[in-house]
Amino acid sequence: MEFVGPGVSALSTDFRNSVDVMTAETTCLSSVWQTDEEVHNWLALHGRGQDYCQLNPQPMAYYDGCISVDFKRHQTNDCAAVPPEQRV
């Protein structure tokens, strides 16, 4: 799975790491994220700033499919005591 676009920069690196771990539940072996200053800062905080590498989709990238999520239409749920379908 590849995660790209302007919405990625709104997500903390810890959130991105959590999503990466959960992709295994979709039988995905790995996920690739567009990198930015947030990732660079996170790596530096953990003493790995030299490992930062800029990753962006290529201009001519082709995909088998795409799922687009509008983050402005969703809110975070810090506590999942209520099933999501009941949070309407």
PDB file of N, CA and C in Angstrom:
ATOM      1  N   MET A   1       0.836  -1.158   0.000  1.00  0.00           N
ATOM      2  CA  MET A   1       0.000   0.000   0.000  1.00  0.00           C
ATOM      3  C   MET A   1       0.887   1.229   0.000  1.00  0.00           C
ATOM      4  N   GLU A   2       0.449   2.226  -0.715  1.00  0.00           N
ATOM      5  CA  GLU A   2       1.194   3.475  -0.793  1.00  0.00           C
ATOM      6  C   GLU A   2       0.297   4.614  -0.320  1.00  0.00           C
ATOM      7  N   PHE A   3       0.812   5.435   0.581  1.00  0.00           N
ATOM      8  CA  PHE A   3       0.061   6.552   1.133  1.00  0.00           C
ATOM      9  C   PHE A   3       0.714   7.848   0.683  1.00  0.00           C
ATOM     10  N   VAL A   4      -0.006   8.617  -0.119  1.00  0.00           N
ATOM     11  CA  VAL A   4       0.525   9.866  -0.663  1.00  0.00           C
ATOM     12  C   VAL A   4      -0.562  10.934  -0.663  1.00  0.00           C
ATOM     13  N   GLY A   5      -0.151  12.160  -0.897  1.00  0.00           N
ATOM     14  CA  GLY A   5      -1.107  13.254  -1.038  1.00  0.00           C
ATOM     15  C   GLY A   5      -1.001  14.251   0.089  1.00  0.00           C
ATOM     16  N   PRO A   6      -1.723  15.351  -0.044  1.00  0.00           N
ATOM     17  CA  PRO A   6      -1.621  16.438   0.938  1.00  0.00           C
ATOM     18  C   PRO A   6      -2.112  16.049   2.331  1.00  0.00           C
ATOM     19  N   GLY A   7      -2.984  15.081   2.432  1.00  0.00           N
ATOM     20  CA  GLY A   7      -3.495  14.673   3.742  1.00  0.00           C
ATOM     21  C   GLY A   7      -2.459  13.990   4.613  1.00  0.00           C
ATOM     22  N   VAL A   8      -1.452  13.384   3.990  1.00  0.00           N
ATOM     23  CA  VAL A   8      -0.428  12.670   4.747  1.00  0.00           C
ATOM     24  C   VAL A   8       0.284  13.606   5.714  1.00  0.00           C
ATOM     25  N   SER A   9       0.557  14.822   5.283  1.00  0.00           N
ATOM     26  CA  SER A   9       1.301  15.760   6.134  1.00  0.00           C
ATOM     27  C   SER A   9       0.513  16.165   7.377  1.00  0.00           C
ATOM     28  N   ALA A  10      -0.782  15.927   7.398  1.00  0.00           N
ATOM     29  CA  ALA A  10      -1.602  16.254   8.568  1.00  0.00           C
ATOM     30  C   ALA A  10      -1.540  15.158   9.627  1.00  0.00           C
ATOM     31  N   LEU A  11      -0.911  14.039   9.303  1.00  0.00           N
ATOM     32  CA  LEU A  11      -0.849  12.905  10.221  1.00  0.00           C
ATOM     33  C   LEU A  11       0.491  12.866  10.941  1.00  0.00           C
ATOM     34  N   SER A  12       0.466  12.608  12.232  1.00  0.00           N
ATOM     35  CA  SER A  12       1.722  12.478  12.977  1.00  0.00           C
ATOM     36  C   SER A  12       2.444  11.214  12.521  1.00  0.00           C
ATOM     37  N   THR A  13       3.736  11.177  12.766  1.00  0.00           N
ATOM     38  CA  THR A  13       4.505   9.987  12.402  1.00  0.00           C
ATOM     39  C   THR A  13       4.049   8.789  13.221  1.00  0.00           C
ATOM     40  N   ASP A  14       3.708   8.985  14.483  1.00  0.00           N
ATOM     41  CA  ASP A  14       3.206   7.880  15.296  1.00  0.00           C
ATOM     42  C   ASP A  14       1.908   7.320  14.719  1.00  0.00           C
ATOM     43  N   PHE A  15       1.025   8.193  14.230  1.00  0.00           N
ATOM     44  CA  PHE A  15      -0.220   7.740  13.607  1.00  0.00           C
ATOM     45  C   PHE A  15       0.091   6.938  12.350  1.00  0.00           C
ATOM     46  N   ARG A  16       1.008   7.440  11.531  1.00  0.00           N
ATOM     47  CA  ARG A  16       1.397   6.732  10.305  1.00  0.00           C
ATOM     48  C   ARG A  16       1.966   5.354  10.637  1.00  0.00           C
ATOM     49  N   ASN A  17       2.798   5.288  11.691  1.00  0.00           N
ATOM     50  CA  ASN A  17       3.361   4.003  12.100  1.00  0.00           C
ATOM     51  C   ASN A  17       2.260   3.041  12.540  1.00  0.00           C
ATOM     52  N   SER A  18       1.253   3.550  13.233  1.00  0.00           N
ATOM     53  CA  SER A  18       0.130   2.711  13.663  1.00  0.00           C
ATOM     54  C   SER A  18      -0.624   2.154  12.466  1.00  0.00           C
ATOM     55  N   VAL A  19      -0.868   2.993  11.475  1.00  0.00           N
ATOM     56  CA  VAL A  19      -1.549   2.535  10.261  1.00  0.00           C
ATOM     57  C   VAL A  19      -0.701   1.483   9.558  1.00  0.00           C
ATOM     58  N   ASP A  20       0.604   1.704   9.505  1.00  0.00           N
ATOM     59  CA  ASP A  20       1.510   0.750   8.873  1.00  0.00           C
ATOM     60  C   ASP A  20       1.390  -0.621   9.527  1.00  0.00           C
ATOM     61  N   VAL A  21       1.358  -0.649  10.854  1.00  0.00           N
ATOM     62  CA  VAL A  21       1.232  -1.913  11.577  1.00  0.00           C
ATOM     63  C   VAL A  21      -0.111  -2.576  11.255  1.00  0.00           C
ATOM     64  N   MET A  22      -1.170  -1.781  11.156  1.00  0.00           N
ATOM     65  CA  MET A  22      -2.503  -2.338  10.894  1.00  0.00           C
ATOM     66  C   MET A  22      -2.681  -2.828   9.462  1.00  0.00           C
ATOM     67  N   THR A  23      -1.829  -2.387   8.532  1.00  0.00           N
ATOM     68  CA  THR A  23      -1.990  -2.861   7.152  1.00  0.00           C
ATOM     69  C   THR A  23      -1.760  -4.360   7.048  1.00  0.00           C
ATOM     70  N   ALA A  24      -1.056  -4.939   8.021  1.00  0.00           N
ATOM     71  CA  ALA A  24      -0.862  -6.390   8.015  1.00  0.00           C
ATOM     72  C   ALA A  24      -2.202  -7.117   8.097  1.00  0.00           C
ATOM     73  N   GLU A  25      -3.184  -6.493   8.731  1.00  0.00           N
ATOM     74  CA  GLU A  25      -4.507  -7.099   8.844  1.00  0.00           C
ATOM     75  C   GLU A  25      -5.229  -7.151   7.502  1.00  0.00           C
ATOM     76  N   THR A  26      -4.742  -6.411   6.527  1.00  0.00           N
ATOM     77  CA  THR A  26      -5.337  -6.441   5.187  1.00  0.00           C
ATOM     78  C   THR A  26      -4.533  -7.347   4.261  1.00  0.00           C
ATOM     79  N   THR A  27      -3.662  -8.166   4.835  1.00  0.00           N
ATOM     80  CA  THR A  27      -2.734  -9.058   4.128  1.00  0.00           C
ATOM     81  C   THR A  27      -1.677  -8.294   3.348  1.00  0.00           C
ATOM     82  N   CYS A  28      -1.511  -7.032   3.637  1.00  0.00           N
ATOM     83  CA  CYS A  28      -0.466  -6.221   3.018  1.00  0.00           C
ATOM     84  C   CYS A  28       0.821  -6.430   3.814  1.00  0.00           C
ATOM     85  N   LEU A  29       1.898  -6.733   3.136  1.00  0.00           N
ATOM     86  CA  LEU A  29       3.157  -6.998   3.822  1.00  0.00           C
ATOM     87  C   LEU A  29       3.899  -5.732   4.216  1.00  0.00           C
ATOM     88  N   SER A  30       3.583  -4.621   3.563  1.00  0.00           N
ATOM     89  CA  SER A  30       4.312  -3.388   3.834  1.00  0.00           C
ATOM     90  C   SER A  30       3.503  -2.200   3.337  1.00  0.00           C
ATOM     91  N   SER A  31       3.833  -1.042   3.876  1.00  0.00           N
ATOM     92  CA  SER A  31       3.245   0.180   3.340  1.00  0.00           C
ATOM     93  C   SER A  31       4.364   1.178   3.089  1.00  0.00           C
ATOM     94  N   VAL A  32       4.157   2.040   2.114  1.00  0.00           N
ATOM     95  CA  VAL A  32       5.128   3.066   1.756  1.00  0.00           C
ATOM     96  C   VAL A  32       4.435   4.405   1.924  1.00  0.00           C
ATOM     97  N   TRP A  33       5.096   5.299   2.627  1.00  0.00           N
ATOM     98  CA  TRP A  33       4.525   6.613   2.912  1.00  0.00           C
ATOM     99  C   TRP A  33       5.358   7.702   2.272  1.00  0.00           C
ATOM    100  N   GLN A  34       4.696   8.683   1.720  1.00  0.00           N
ATOM    101  CA  GLN A  34       5.377   9.887   1.254  1.00  0.00           C
ATOM    102  C   GLN A  34       6.033  10.519   2.482  1.00  0.00           C
ATOM    103  N   THR A  35       7.320  10.857   2.384  1.00  0.00           N
ATOM    104  CA  THR A  35       8.012  11.420   3.539  1.00  0.00           C
ATOM    105  C   THR A  35       7.993  12.943   3.507  1.00  0.00           C
ATOM    106  N   ASP A  36       8.188  13.532   4.672  1.00  0.00           N
ATOM    107  CA  ASP A  36       8.170  14.988   4.799  1.00  0.00           C
ATOM    108  C   ASP A  36       8.974  15.396   6.025  1.00  0.00           C
ATOM    109  N   GLU A  37       8.901  16.657   6.390  1.00  0.00           N
ATOM    110  CA  GLU A  37       9.654  17.171   7.535  1.00  0.00           C
ATOM    111  C   GLU A  37       9.238  16.488   8.834  1.00  0.00           C
ATOM    112  N   GLU A  38       7.978  16.107   8.950  1.00  0.00           N
ATOM    113  CA  GLU A  38       7.485  15.393  10.139  1.00  0.00           C
ATOM    114  C   GLU A  38       8.272  14.103  10.345  1.00  0.00           C
ATOM    115  N   VAL A  39       8.487  13.351   9.269  1.00  0.00           N
ATOM    116  CA  VAL A  39       9.243  12.101   9.354  1.00  0.00           C
ATOM    117  C   VAL A  39      10.701  12.395   9.708  1.00  0.00           C
ATOM    118  N   HIS A  40      11.269  13.407   9.064  1.00  0.00           N
ATOM    119  CA  HIS A  40      12.661  13.770   9.351  1.00  0.00           C
ATOM    120  C   HIS A  40      12.831  14.141  10.822  1.00  0.00           C
ATOM    121  N   ASN A  41      11.918  14.933  11.360  1.00  0.00           N
ATOM    122  CA  ASN A  41      11.982  15.324  12.771  1.00  0.00           C
ATOM    123  C   ASN A  41      11.847  14.120  13.697  1.00  0.00           C
ATOM    124  N   TRP A  42      10.963  13.187  13.354  1.00  0.00           N
ATOM    125  CA  TRP A  42      10.756  11.989  14.168  1.00  0.00           C
ATOM    126  C   TRP A  42      12.024  11.142  14.190  1.00  0.00           C
ATOM    127  N   LEU A  43      12.627  10.959  13.023  1.00  0.00           N
ATOM    128  CA  LEU A  43      13.871  10.187  12.963  1.00  0.00           C
ATOM    129  C   LEU A  43      14.977  10.869  13.769  1.00  0.00           C
ATOM    130  N   ALA A  44      15.088  12.187  13.641  1.00  0.00           N
ATOM    131  CA  ALA A  44      16.111  12.928  14.387  1.00  0.00           C
ATOM    132  C   ALA A  44      15.884  12.800  15.894  1.00  0.00           C
ATOM    133  N   LEU A  45      14.628  12.852  16.321  1.00  0.00           N
ATOM    134  CA  LEU A  45      14.287  12.713  17.733  1.00  0.00           C
ATOM    135  C   LEU A  45      14.765  11.376  18.289  1.00  0.00           C
ATOM    136  N   HIS A  46      14.747  10.356  17.440  1.00  0.00           N
ATOM    137  CA  HIS A  46      15.155   9.010  17.843  1.00  0.00           C
ATOM    138  C   HIS A  46      16.601   8.702  17.454  1.00  0.00           C
ATOM    139  N   GLY A  47      17.384   9.749  17.165  1.00  0.00           N
ATOM    140  CA  GLY A  47      18.794   9.570  16.853  1.00  0.00           C
ATOM    141  C   GLY A  47      19.081   8.963  15.498  1.00  0.00           C
ATOM    142  N   ARG A  48      18.124   9.078  14.568  1.00  0.00           N
ATOM    143  CA  ARG A  48      18.292   8.468  13.249  1.00  0.00           C
ATOM    144  C   ARG A  48      18.069   9.464  12.119  1.00  0.00           C
ATOM    145  N   GLY A  49      18.320  10.744  12.373  1.00  0.00           N
ATOM    146  CA  GLY A  49      18.115  11.774  11.364  1.00  0.00           C
ATOM    147  C   GLY A  49      18.865  11.510  10.072  1.00  0.00           C
ATOM    148  N   GLN A  50      20.033  10.860  10.159  1.00  0.00           N
ATOM    149  CA  GLN A  50      20.832  10.558   8.969  1.00  0.00           C
ATOM    150  C   GLN A  50      20.167   9.502   8.084  1.00  0.00           C
ATOM    151  N   ASP A  51      19.168   8.794   8.592  1.00  0.00           N
ATOM    152  CA  ASP A  51      18.477   7.764   7.809  1.00  0.00           C
ATOM    153  C   ASP A  51      17.333   8.315   6.965  1.00  0.00           C
ATOM    154  N   TYR A  52      17.037   9.609   7.108  1.00  0.00           N
ATOM    155  CA  TYR A  52      15.922  10.208   6.365  1.00  0.00           C
ATOM    156  C   TYR A  52      16.179  10.134   4.863  1.00  0.00           C
ATOM    157  N   CYS A  53      15.130   9.799   4.130  1.00  0.00           N
ATOM    158  CA  CYS A  53      15.187   9.745   2.668  1.00  0.00           C
ATOM    159  C   CYS A  53      13.870  10.309   2.134  1.00  0.00           C
ATOM    160  N   GLN A  54      13.959  11.255   1.217  1.00  0.00           N
ATOM    161  CA  GLN A  54      12.758  11.847   0.632  1.00  0.00           C
ATOM    162  C   GLN A  54      12.088  10.830  -0.289  1.00  0.00           C
ATOM    163  N   LEU A  55      10.818  10.530  -0.046  1.00  0.00           N
ATOM    164  CA  LEU A  55      10.040   9.621  -0.883  1.00  0.00           C
ATOM    165  C   LEU A  55       8.807  10.348  -1.391  1.00  0.00           C
ATOM    166  N   ASN A  56       8.642  10.383  -2.699  1.00  0.00           N
ATOM    167  CA  ASN A  56       7.480  10.992  -3.344  1.00  0.00           C
ATOM    168  C   ASN A  56       7.052  10.110  -4.505  1.00  0.00           C
ATOM    169  N   PRO A  57       5.770  10.120  -4.856  1.00  0.00           N
ATOM    170  CA  PRO A  57       5.349   9.344  -6.025  1.00  0.00           C
ATOM    171  C   PRO A  57       5.961   9.929  -7.293  1.00  0.00           C
ATOM    172  N   GLN A  58       6.272   9.072  -8.220  1.00  0.00           N
ATOM    173  CA  GLN A  58       6.807   9.521  -9.503  1.00  0.00           C
ATOM    174  C   GLN A  58       5.691  10.176 -10.314  1.00  0.00           C
ATOM    175  N   PRO A  59       6.017  11.148 -11.165  1.00  0.00           N
ATOM    176  CA  PRO A  59       4.989  11.836 -11.952  1.00  0.00           C
ATOM    177  C   PRO A  59       4.176  10.882 -12.836  1.00  0.00           C
ATOM    178  N   MET A  60       4.790   9.826 -13.286  1.00  0.00           N
ATOM    179  CA  MET A  60       4.098   8.890 -14.177  1.00  0.00           C
ATOM    180  C   MET A  60       3.765   7.581 -13.468  1.00  0.00           C
ATOM    181  N   ALA A  61       3.444   7.625 -12.193  1.00  0.00           N
ATOM    182  CA  ALA A  61       3.118   6.417 -11.445  1.00  0.00           C
ATOM    183  C   ALA A  61       1.755   5.883 -11.876  1.00  0.00           C
ATOM    184  N   TYR A  62       1.664   4.577 -12.038  1.00  0.00           N
ATOM    185  CA  TYR A  62       0.407   3.918 -12.388  1.00  0.00           C
ATOM    186  C   TYR A  62       0.019   2.975 -11.260  1.00  0.00           C
ATOM    187  N   TYR A  63      -1.244   2.965 -10.910  1.00  0.00           N
ATOM    188  CA  TYR A  63      -1.728   2.150  -9.813  1.00  0.00           C
ATOM    189  C   TYR A  63      -2.865   1.257 -10.296  1.00  0.00           C
ATOM    190  N   ASP A  64      -2.990   0.083  -9.671  1.00  0.00           N
ATOM    191  CA  ASP A  64      -4.096  -0.818  -9.992  1.00  0.00           C
ATOM    192  C   ASP A  64      -5.416  -0.281  -9.457  1.00  0.00           C
ATOM    193  N   GLY A  65      -5.357   0.500  -8.413  1.00  0.00           N
ATOM    194  CA  GLY A  65      -6.563   1.063  -7.820  1.00  0.00           C
ATOM    195  C   GLY A  65      -6.195   2.183  -6.873  1.00  0.00           C
ATOM    196  N   CYS A  66      -7.197   2.925  -6.449  1.00  0.00           N
ATOM    197  CA  CYS A  66      -6.946   4.054  -5.554  1.00  0.00           C
ATOM    198  C   CYS A  66      -8.138   4.228  -4.621  1.00  0.00           C
ATOM    199  N   ILE A  67      -7.850   4.408  -3.352  1.00  0.00           N
ATOM    200  CA  ILE A  67      -8.877   4.748  -2.373  1.00  0.00           C
ATOM    201  C   ILE A  67      -8.529   6.134  -1.861  1.00  0.00           C
ATOM    202  N   SER A  68      -9.417   7.070  -2.056  1.00  0.00           N
ATOM    203  CA  SER A  68      -9.170   8.449  -1.653  1.00  0.00           C
ATOM    204  C   SER A  68      -9.975   8.754  -0.394  1.00  0.00           C
ATOM    205  N   VAL A  69      -9.315   9.310   0.619  1.00  0.00           N
ATOM    206  CA  VAL A  69      -9.967   9.652   1.880  1.00  0.00           C
ATOM    207  C   VAL A  69      -9.842  11.155   2.097  1.00  0.00           C
ATOM    208  N   ASP A  70     -10.971  11.808   2.315  1.00  0.00           N
ATOM    209  CA  ASP A  70     -10.980  13.238   2.605  1.00  0.00           C
ATOM    210  C   ASP A  70     -10.916  13.403   4.120  1.00  0.00           C
ATOM    211  N   PHE A  71      -9.733  13.717   4.642  1.00  0.00           N
ATOM    212  CA  PHE A  71      -9.542  13.809   6.082  1.00  0.00           C
ATOM    213  C   PHE A  71     -10.362  14.925   6.711  1.00  0.00           C
ATOM    214  N   LYS A  72     -10.779  15.887   5.941  1.00  0.00           N
ATOM    215  CA  LYS A  72     -11.585  16.986   6.479  1.00  0.00           C
ATOM    216  C   LYS A  72     -12.988  16.520   6.858  1.00  0.00           C
ATOM    217  N   ARG A  73     -13.426  15.392   6.301  1.00  0.00           N
ATOM    218  CA  ARG A  73     -14.770  14.888   6.577  1.00  0.00           C
ATOM    219  C   ARG A  73     -14.795  13.913   7.746  1.00  0.00           C
ATOM    220  N   HIS A  74     -13.644  13.616   8.322  1.00  0.00           N
ATOM    221  CA  HIS A  74     -13.563  12.629   9.397  1.00  0.00           C
ATOM    222  C   HIS A  74     -12.931  13.257  10.627  1.00  0.00           C
ATOM    223  N   GLN A  75     -13.317  12.757  11.783  1.00  0.00           N
ATOM    224  CA  GLN A  75     -12.697  13.225  13.014  1.00  0.00           C
ATOM    225  C   GLN A  75     -12.041  12.037  13.699  1.00  0.00           C
ATOM    226  N   THR A  76     -11.033  12.316  14.503  1.00  0.00           N
ATOM    227  CA  THR A  76     -10.351  11.232  15.196  1.00  0.00           C
ATOM    228  C   THR A  76     -11.205  10.738  16.348  1.00  0.00           C
ATOM    229  N   ASN A  77     -10.976   9.508  16.725  1.00  0.00           N
ATOM    230  CA  ASN A  77     -11.688   8.888  17.824  1.00  0.00           C
ATOM    231  C   ASN A  77     -10.634   8.330  18.775  1.00  0.00           C
ATOM    232  N   ASP A  78     -10.309   9.079  19.816  1.00  0.00           N
ATOM    233  CA  ASP A  78      -9.255   8.672  20.734  1.00  0.00           C
ATOM    234  C   ASP A  78      -9.664   7.515  21.635  1.00  0.00           C
ATOM    235  N   CYS A  79     -10.938   7.320  21.824  1.00  0.00           N
ATOM    236  CA  CYS A  79     -11.425   6.248  22.674  1.00  0.00           C
ATOM    237  C   CYS A  79     -12.498   5.491  21.905  1.00  0.00           C
ATOM    238  N   ALA A  80     -12.307   4.206  21.744  1.00  0.00           N
ATOM    239  CA  ALA A  80     -13.239   3.412  20.947  1.00  0.00           C
ATOM    240  C   ALA A  80     -14.244   2.678  21.825  1.00  0.00           C
ATOM    241  N   ALA A  81     -14.701   3.323  22.905  1.00  0.00           N
ATOM    242  CA  ALA A  81     -15.667   2.680  23.790  1.00  0.00           C
ATOM    243  C   ALA A  81     -17.005   2.466  23.099  1.00  0.00           C
ATOM    244  N   VAL A  82     -17.320   3.295  22.130  1.00  0.00           N
ATOM    245  CA  VAL A  82     -18.563   3.177  21.371  1.00  0.00           C
ATOM    246  C   VAL A  82     -18.202   2.718  19.962  1.00  0.00           C
ATOM    247  N   PRO A  83     -18.867   1.674  19.452  1.00  0.00           N
ATOM    248  CA  PRO A  83     -18.574   1.237  18.085  1.00  0.00           C
ATOM    249  C   PRO A  83     -18.749   2.385  17.093  1.00  0.00           C
ATOM    250  N   PRO A  84     -17.886   2.458  16.072  1.00  0.00           N
ATOM    251  CA  PRO A  84     -17.938   3.569  15.114  1.00  0.00           C
ATOM    252  C   PRO A  84     -19.306   3.794  14.489  1.00  0.00           C
ATOM    253  N   GLU A  85     -20.059   2.709  14.233  1.00  0.00           N
ATOM    254  CA  GLU A  85     -21.362   2.875  13.585  1.00  0.00           C
ATOM    255  C   GLU A  85     -22.374   3.580  14.493  1.00  0.00           C
ATOM    256  N   GLN A  86     -22.105   3.641  15.789  1.00  0.00           N
ATOM    257  CA  GLN A  86     -22.997   4.322  16.726  1.00  0.00           C
ATOM    258  C   GLN A  86     -22.582   5.769  16.979  1.00  0.00           C
ATOM    259  N   ARG A  87     -21.508   6.229  16.334  1.00  0.00           N
ATOM    260  CA  ARG A  87     -21.009   7.587  16.554  1.00  0.00           C
ATOM    261  C   ARG A  87     -21.578   8.580  15.557  1.00  0.00           C
ATOM    262  N   VAL A  88     -22.642   8.272  14.898  1.00  0.00           N
ATOM    263  CA  VAL A  88     -23.198   9.140  13.861  1.00  0.00           C
ATOM    264  C   VAL A  88     -23.759  10.407  14.443  1.00  0.00           C
TER     265      VAL A  88
END
